[in-house]
Amino acid sequence: MKRWILALAAVAWLVAACAPAAARQALVQSVAPSAPGEMPGLADSAANGPELRFAESGKEAQTTGAAASADRIVLRNASRTLVVDDPAKTAEDIGTMTVAAGGFVVNSYIYETTYTELDHPVNQGTITVRIPAEKLDAVLKQIEALAKEVRSRNISGQDVTAEYTDLQSRLRNLQAAEAQLREIMASATKTEDVMSVFNQLTQIRSEIEVMQGQIRYYDESAAYAAISVELMPYIPTQPLQIGGWHPTGTARQALQSLIRGLQNLADALIYVGICGIPVLILFGLPLFFIIRWALRRSRKGKRAPAA
C-alpha cells in the first residue's frame, strides 16, 4: 500500500512540475489526503511547501521572461573570401589578431593547390575564429585590411530568444520536480520505494543536463561571434578577363618562359659536355687520323704523275 501511494505521489509531483497552477493545486489536493498516516509528513509537505515553491518559480519565470524580451539572444556569424599574398602567414596574422581581441581560433587548415598559370603548387586555406560579439565589425575590418582583394562578404544573425526562454522555463520546472522527488525519496522507508523514486530522479537529471548544455551553447554562441575566412593566393597571371587584366602577370609569364628556355639550353650543354666528350674521344680521334691519312695519300698520288 505504501509503495502504491508513494508511486502515485511521485507521478503527481512530476506532472505538476509542468502543469498550470490550477491543475497543480487540484492535483496536490487529490493526492495529499490519500496518504495520511501512511507516510508521516508527506501530506503536509505536499499541501503547503511544494505549492509555495511552484508559485515562486512562476514569479521567477515571469521576471526572467521580461528580461529575456529586453535582451535578445542573437547568434551572429560572418564569412569572407580573401585574396592574399601568403595564405599561411595571413592565417597566422588572423589568429594573433583574434587572441588580441579576446577570442580564440576554432580551426585552421592550410593546404597546397596548383593553378594552370603556375608550374609549382601554392598555399591555400581556411580559418575559423570566434571573437566577442561586440567586436565583430571591428575585427572584420582588420581582417579585410590584410587582403589584396575581397571576393565575397557575408554576415548573418539568428534570433533564438524564444528557444532560449523556453529552455530556461522547462529547466526550472524540471529542477522543481527534482527537488520534490528528493523530498519524497527522503521520506521513503522501503527499498522498493527508494528505487522507484531514484529511477525517476535519474531520468529528470538526464533531461536537466541536456537542457543545461543547450543553454550553455546558446550563451557561448551569443557571446562569441563566428568568423570563417577562406584564403586564396594572389596570382596575377590569371587568364585575361574584362577589367581583370594584369600587365605584371604577362611580364612574369614571359620571364618564366625565358628562364625555362635558358634552363633547357644549359641542360643540353651539360649533356653534351658529359656525354659528348667521351664519345668524341672514342670515335672522333680514330676518324680524324683516318681522314688525315687518306688526304695525305691523295696528295702523294697527284704529285707522282706530274713528275
Protein backbone atom coordinates (compact mmCIF):
# COMPACT_ATOMS: atom_id res chain seq x y z
CA MET A 1 0.00 0.00 0.00
CA LYS A 2 2.80 2.37 0.88
CA ARG A 3 4.59 1.69 -2.39
CA TRP A 4 1.41 2.39 -4.38
CA ILE A 5 0.83 5.68 -2.54
CA LEU A 6 4.50 6.69 -2.99
CA ALA A 7 4.48 5.97 -6.72
CA LEU A 8 1.21 7.92 -7.12
CA ALA A 9 2.64 10.88 -5.25
CA ALA A 10 5.84 10.84 -7.33
CA VAL A 11 3.91 10.83 -10.59
CA ALA A 12 1.65 13.58 -9.28
CA TRP A 13 4.57 15.86 -8.48
CA LEU A 14 6.28 15.10 -11.79
CA VAL A 15 3.16 16.07 -13.73
CA ALA A 16 2.62 19.09 -11.51
CA ALA A 17 6.06 20.40 -12.46
CA CYS A 18 4.85 21.17 -15.99
CA ALA A 19 1.14 21.76 -15.29
CA PRO A 20 -0.68 25.10 -14.85
CA ALA A 21 -1.11 26.44 -11.31
CA ALA A 22 -4.81 25.50 -11.05
CA ALA A 23 -4.17 21.97 -12.21
CA ARG A 24 -1.27 21.61 -9.78
CA GLN A 25 -3.43 22.75 -6.87
CA ALA A 26 -6.14 20.24 -7.76
CA LEU A 27 -3.55 17.50 -8.16
CA VAL A 28 -1.98 18.26 -4.77
CA GLN A 29 -5.40 18.23 -3.08
CA SER A 30 -6.28 14.92 -4.67
CA VAL A 31 -3.04 13.20 -3.69
CA ALA A 32 -2.30 14.66 -0.26
CA PRO A 33 -5.44 13.37 1.60
CA SER A 34 -4.86 9.81 0.39
CA ALA A 35 -1.61 9.47 2.30
CA PRO A 36 -2.32 10.50 5.96
CA GLY A 37 -0.80 8.06 8.38
CA GLU A 38 0.87 6.05 5.63
CA MET A 39 3.86 8.39 5.14
CA PRO A 40 4.15 10.88 8.04
CA GLY A 41 4.85 14.42 6.96
CA LEU A 42 4.24 13.76 3.25
CA ALA A 43 0.71 15.20 3.19
CA ASP A 44 1.76 18.45 4.88
CA SER A 45 4.75 18.81 2.61
CA ALA A 46 2.60 18.26 -0.46
CA ALA A 47 -0.14 20.64 0.59
CA ASN A 48 2.00 23.58 1.64
CA GLY A 49 5.72 23.65 0.76
CA PRO A 50 5.61 22.46 -2.89
CA GLU A 51 2.80 24.77 -3.91
CA LEU A 52 4.58 27.76 -2.42
CA ARG A 53 7.77 26.88 -4.28
CA PHE A 54 5.88 26.43 -7.54
CA ALA A 55 4.32 29.88 -7.12
CA GLU A 56 7.72 31.41 -6.51
CA SER A 57 9.07 29.59 -9.56
CA GLY A 58 6.26 31.08 -11.65
CA LYS A 59 7.15 34.59 -10.49
CA GLU A 60 10.80 33.99 -11.37
CA ALA A 61 9.77 32.75 -14.82
CA GLN A 62 7.78 35.94 -15.45
CA THR A 63 10.69 38.12 -14.32
CA THR A 64 13.22 36.22 -16.41
CA GLY A 65 10.89 36.27 -19.41
CA ALA A 66 10.64 40.06 -19.22
CA ALA A 67 14.41 40.36 -19.03
CA ALA A 68 14.84 37.99 -21.98
CA SER A 69 12.46 40.06 -24.10
CA ALA A 70 14.61 43.11 -23.41
CA ASP A 71 17.91 41.33 -24.20
CA ARG A 72 17.61 39.41 -27.43
CA ILE A 73 19.70 36.27 -27.87
CA VAL A 74 21.18 36.55 -31.38
CA LEU A 75 23.79 34.22 -32.87
CA ARG A 76 25.96 36.21 -35.29
CA ASN A 77 28.13 34.62 -37.98
CA ALA A 78 30.28 36.12 -40.74
CA SER A 79 32.34 34.81 -43.64
CA ARG A 80 34.88 36.32 -46.00
CA THR A 81 36.76 35.14 -49.10
CA LEU A 82 40.09 36.95 -49.37
CA VAL A 83 42.88 37.03 -51.94
CA VAL A 84 46.21 37.44 -50.13
CA ASP A 85 49.93 37.23 -50.91
CA ASP A 86 50.64 34.42 -48.43
CA PRO A 87 47.64 32.45 -47.09
CA ALA A 88 49.73 30.70 -44.40
CA LYS A 89 51.10 33.94 -42.98
CA THR A 90 47.70 35.63 -43.21
CA ALA A 91 46.14 32.77 -41.22
CA GLU A 92 48.75 33.32 -38.51
CA ASP A 93 48.04 37.07 -38.51
CA ILE A 94 44.29 36.44 -38.16
CA GLY A 95 44.95 34.08 -35.26
CA THR A 96 47.11 36.66 -33.49
CA MET A 97 44.50 39.33 -34.14
CA THR A 98 41.76 37.09 -32.74
CA VAL A 99 43.61 36.38 -29.49
CA ALA A 100 44.35 40.09 -29.05
CA ALA A 101 40.62 40.81 -29.37
CA GLY A 102 39.79 38.31 -26.63
CA GLY A 103 38.70 35.46 -28.91
CA PHE A 104 40.10 32.08 -29.92
CA VAL A 105 40.83 30.04 -33.04
CA VAL A 106 38.36 27.21 -33.72
CA ASN A 107 40.29 25.60 -36.59
CA SER A 108 42.88 26.49 -39.23
CA TYR A 109 43.61 24.46 -42.37
CA ILE A 110 46.39 25.27 -44.88
CA TYR A 111 46.99 23.06 -47.90
CA GLU A 112 48.76 23.14 -51.25
CA THR A 113 46.98 23.52 -54.58
CA THR A 114 48.03 24.02 -58.19
CA TYR A 115 46.96 26.52 -60.83
CA THR A 116 47.42 26.31 -64.59
CA GLU A 117 49.14 29.70 -64.53
CA LEU A 118 51.94 28.37 -62.30
CA ASP A 119 54.31 25.43 -62.59
CA HIS A 120 54.51 24.92 -58.81
CA PRO A 121 51.96 24.44 -56.03
CA VAL A 122 50.89 27.33 -53.80
CA ASN A 123 49.27 27.55 -50.38
CA GLN A 124 45.55 27.99 -49.88
CA GLY A 125 43.48 27.58 -46.73
CA THR A 126 40.63 28.40 -44.38
CA ILE A 127 40.46 29.58 -40.78
CA THR A 128 37.51 29.87 -38.39
CA VAL A 129 37.67 32.01 -35.26
CA ARG A 130 35.33 33.22 -32.53
CA ILE A 131 35.56 36.73 -31.16
CA PRO A 132 33.44 38.72 -28.70
CA ALA A 133 30.20 39.63 -30.48
CA GLU A 134 30.57 43.34 -29.76
CA LYS A 135 33.94 43.38 -31.60
CA LEU A 136 32.71 41.60 -34.74
CA ASP A 137 32.59 44.65 -37.04
CA ALA A 138 35.97 45.97 -35.90
CA VAL A 139 37.71 42.62 -36.35
CA LEU A 140 36.17 42.15 -39.81
CA LYS A 141 37.66 45.46 -40.91
CA GLN A 142 41.08 44.42 -39.61
CA ILE A 143 40.84 41.09 -41.46
CA GLU A 144 39.86 42.75 -44.74
CA ALA A 145 42.83 45.11 -44.40
CA LEU A 146 45.13 42.07 -44.82
CA ALA A 147 43.74 41.25 -48.28
CA LYS A 148 44.62 42.43 -51.75
CA GLU A 149 41.05 41.68 -52.81
CA VAL A 150 37.83 40.72 -51.01
CA ARG A 151 35.97 38.23 -53.18
CA SER A 152 32.87 37.80 -51.01
CA ARG A 153 31.29 39.13 -47.81
CA ASN A 154 28.54 37.52 -45.77
CA ILE A 155 27.12 38.20 -42.32
CA SER A 156 24.05 36.61 -40.72
CA GLY A 157 22.19 36.57 -37.41
CA GLN A 158 19.80 34.05 -35.86
CA ASP A 159 17.41 35.18 -33.14
CA VAL A 160 16.98 32.30 -30.64
CA THR A 161 15.38 34.29 -27.83
CA ALA A 162 12.17 32.22 -27.89
CA GLU A 163 14.03 28.91 -27.81
CA TYR A 164 16.33 30.19 -25.07
CA THR A 165 13.44 31.38 -22.87
CA ASP A 166 11.57 28.10 -23.38
CA LEU A 167 14.64 26.09 -22.36
CA GLN A 168 15.06 28.14 -19.19
CA SER A 169 11.39 27.70 -18.26
CA ARG A 170 11.49 23.95 -18.84
CA LEU A 171 14.74 23.71 -16.87
CA ARG A 172 13.21 25.46 -13.85
CA ASN A 173 10.21 23.14 -13.93
CA LEU A 174 12.40 20.06 -14.08
CA GLN A 175 14.59 21.33 -11.25
CA ALA A 176 11.47 21.94 -9.11
CA ALA A 177 10.23 18.42 -9.86
CA GLU A 178 13.67 17.06 -8.97
CA ALA A 179 13.59 18.82 -5.60
CA GLN A 180 10.15 17.39 -4.78
CA LEU A 181 11.20 13.88 -5.76
CA ARG A 182 14.23 14.16 -3.47
CA GLU A 183 11.95 15.10 -0.58
CA ILE A 184 9.72 12.12 -1.34
CA MET A 185 12.71 9.79 -1.51
CA ALA A 186 13.97 11.12 1.83
CA SER A 187 10.60 10.20 3.41
CA ALA A 188 10.51 6.70 1.94
CA THR A 189 11.20 3.76 4.24
CA LYS A 190 11.24 0.79 1.86
CA THR A 191 13.99 -0.05 -0.59
CA GLU A 192 11.46 -0.58 -3.39
CA ASP A 193 10.04 2.90 -2.85
CA VAL A 194 13.51 4.48 -2.83
CA MET A 195 14.49 2.71 -6.07
CA SER A 196 11.25 3.77 -7.78
CA VAL A 197 11.81 7.44 -6.99
CA PHE A 198 15.54 7.12 -7.76
CA ASN A 199 14.77 5.94 -11.30
CA GLN A 200 12.56 8.98 -11.87
CA LEU A 201 15.27 11.24 -10.47
CA THR A 202 17.82 9.73 -12.84
CA GLN A 203 15.60 10.44 -15.85
CA ILE A 204 14.91 14.02 -14.75
CA ARG A 205 18.60 14.65 -14.04
CA SER A 206 19.47 13.46 -17.57
CA GLU A 207 16.94 15.88 -19.09
CA ILE A 208 18.24 18.70 -16.89
CA GLU A 209 21.83 18.15 -18.06
CA VAL A 210 20.75 18.13 -21.72
CA MET A 211 18.90 21.43 -21.30
CA GLN A 212 21.79 22.98 -19.39
CA GLY A 213 24.10 22.01 -22.25
CA GLN A 214 21.80 23.64 -24.81
CA ILE A 215 21.59 26.80 -22.72
CA ARG A 216 25.40 26.94 -22.41
CA TYR A 217 25.68 26.54 -26.19
CA TYR A 218 23.32 29.49 -26.76
CA ASP A 219 25.18 31.59 -24.16
CA GLU A 220 28.59 30.94 -25.72
CA SER A 221 27.34 31.36 -29.30
CA ALA A 222 25.66 34.66 -28.44
CA ALA A 223 28.72 35.94 -26.57
CA TYR A 224 31.22 34.95 -29.31
CA ALA A 225 30.50 35.53 -32.99
CA ALA A 226 31.99 33.13 -35.54
CA ILE A 227 34.10 34.30 -38.49
CA SER A 228 35.06 31.91 -41.31
CA VAL A 229 37.72 33.13 -43.74
CA GLU A 230 38.76 31.44 -46.98
CA LEU A 231 42.28 32.44 -48.02
CA MET A 232 43.22 32.31 -51.72
CA PRO A 233 46.69 33.08 -53.13
CA TYR A 234 47.21 36.19 -55.23
CA ILE A 235 48.12 35.08 -58.77
CA PRO A 236 48.47 37.98 -61.21
CA THR A 237 48.94 35.56 -64.15
CA GLN A 238 45.24 34.83 -64.39
CA PRO A 239 43.62 34.50 -67.85
CA LEU A 240 42.62 37.78 -69.48
CA GLN A 241 39.22 38.93 -68.20
CA ILE A 242 37.20 42.06 -68.71
CA GLY A 243 38.53 44.50 -66.16
CA GLY A 244 40.86 41.87 -64.73
CA TRP A 245 43.96 42.05 -66.94
CA HIS A 246 47.29 42.30 -65.10
CA PRO A 247 50.25 43.52 -67.23
CA THR A 248 52.64 42.44 -64.50
CA GLY A 249 51.28 38.94 -64.87
CA THR A 250 52.06 38.88 -68.58
CA ALA A 251 55.60 40.10 -67.93
CA ARG A 252 56.04 37.49 -65.25
CA GLN A 253 54.83 34.74 -67.57
CA ALA A 254 57.26 35.90 -70.30
CA LEU A 255 60.12 35.94 -67.79
CA GLN A 256 59.27 32.44 -66.68
CA SER A 257 59.27 31.25 -70.31
CA LEU A 258 62.69 32.86 -70.88
CA ILE A 259 64.10 31.23 -67.76
CA ARG A 260 62.74 27.84 -68.77
CA GLY A 261 64.32 28.23 -72.25
CA LEU A 262 67.70 29.11 -70.75
CA GLN A 263 67.39 26.18 -68.40
CA ASN A 264 66.77 23.84 -71.33
CA LEU A 265 69.82 25.24 -73.19
CA ALA A 266 72.00 24.85 -70.11
CA ASP A 267 70.76 21.29 -69.66
CA ALA A 268 71.66 20.49 -73.30
CA LEU A 269 75.19 21.88 -72.88
CA ILE A 270 75.67 19.84 -69.75
CA TYR A 271 74.55 16.68 -71.52
CA VAL A 272 76.93 17.44 -74.43
CA GLY A 273 79.81 18.13 -72.09
CA ILE A 274 79.32 14.96 -70.07
CA CYS A 275 78.20 12.52 -72.77
CA GLY A 276 79.64 14.07 -75.97
CA ILE A 277 83.32 14.39 -75.00
CA PRO A 278 83.86 10.67 -74.25
CA VAL A 279 82.07 9.74 -77.48
CA LEU A 280 84.22 12.23 -79.41
CA ILE A 281 87.43 10.83 -77.95
CA LEU A 282 86.39 7.26 -78.56
CA PHE A 283 85.22 7.63 -82.15
CA GLY A 284 86.37 11.08 -83.26
CA LEU A 285 90.13 10.66 -82.84
CA PRO A 286 90.39 7.43 -84.91
CA LEU A 287 88.20 9.01 -87.57
CA PHE A 288 90.38 12.10 -87.59
CA PHE A 289 93.58 10.10 -88.17
CA ILE A 290 91.93 8.02 -90.89
CA ILE A 291 90.77 11.11 -92.75
CA ARG A 292 94.19 12.73 -92.36
CA TRP A 293 95.97 9.62 -93.71
CA ALA A 294 93.57 9.49 -96.68
CA LEU A 295 94.21 13.13 -97.54
CA ARG A 296 97.98 12.67 -97.44
CA ARG A 297 97.80 9.64 -99.69
CA SER A 298 95.61 11.51 -102.15
CA ARG A 299 98.12 14.34 -102.33
CA LYS A 300 101.02 11.95 -102.97
CA GLY A 301 99.04 10.29 -105.78
CA LYS A 302 98.57 13.65 -107.52
CA ARG A 303 102.26 14.52 -107.33
CA ALA A 304 103.51 11.24 -108.85
CA PRO A 305 102.02 11.67 -112.43
CA ALA A 306 103.30 15.24 -112.64
CA ALA A 307 106.92 14.07 -112.16
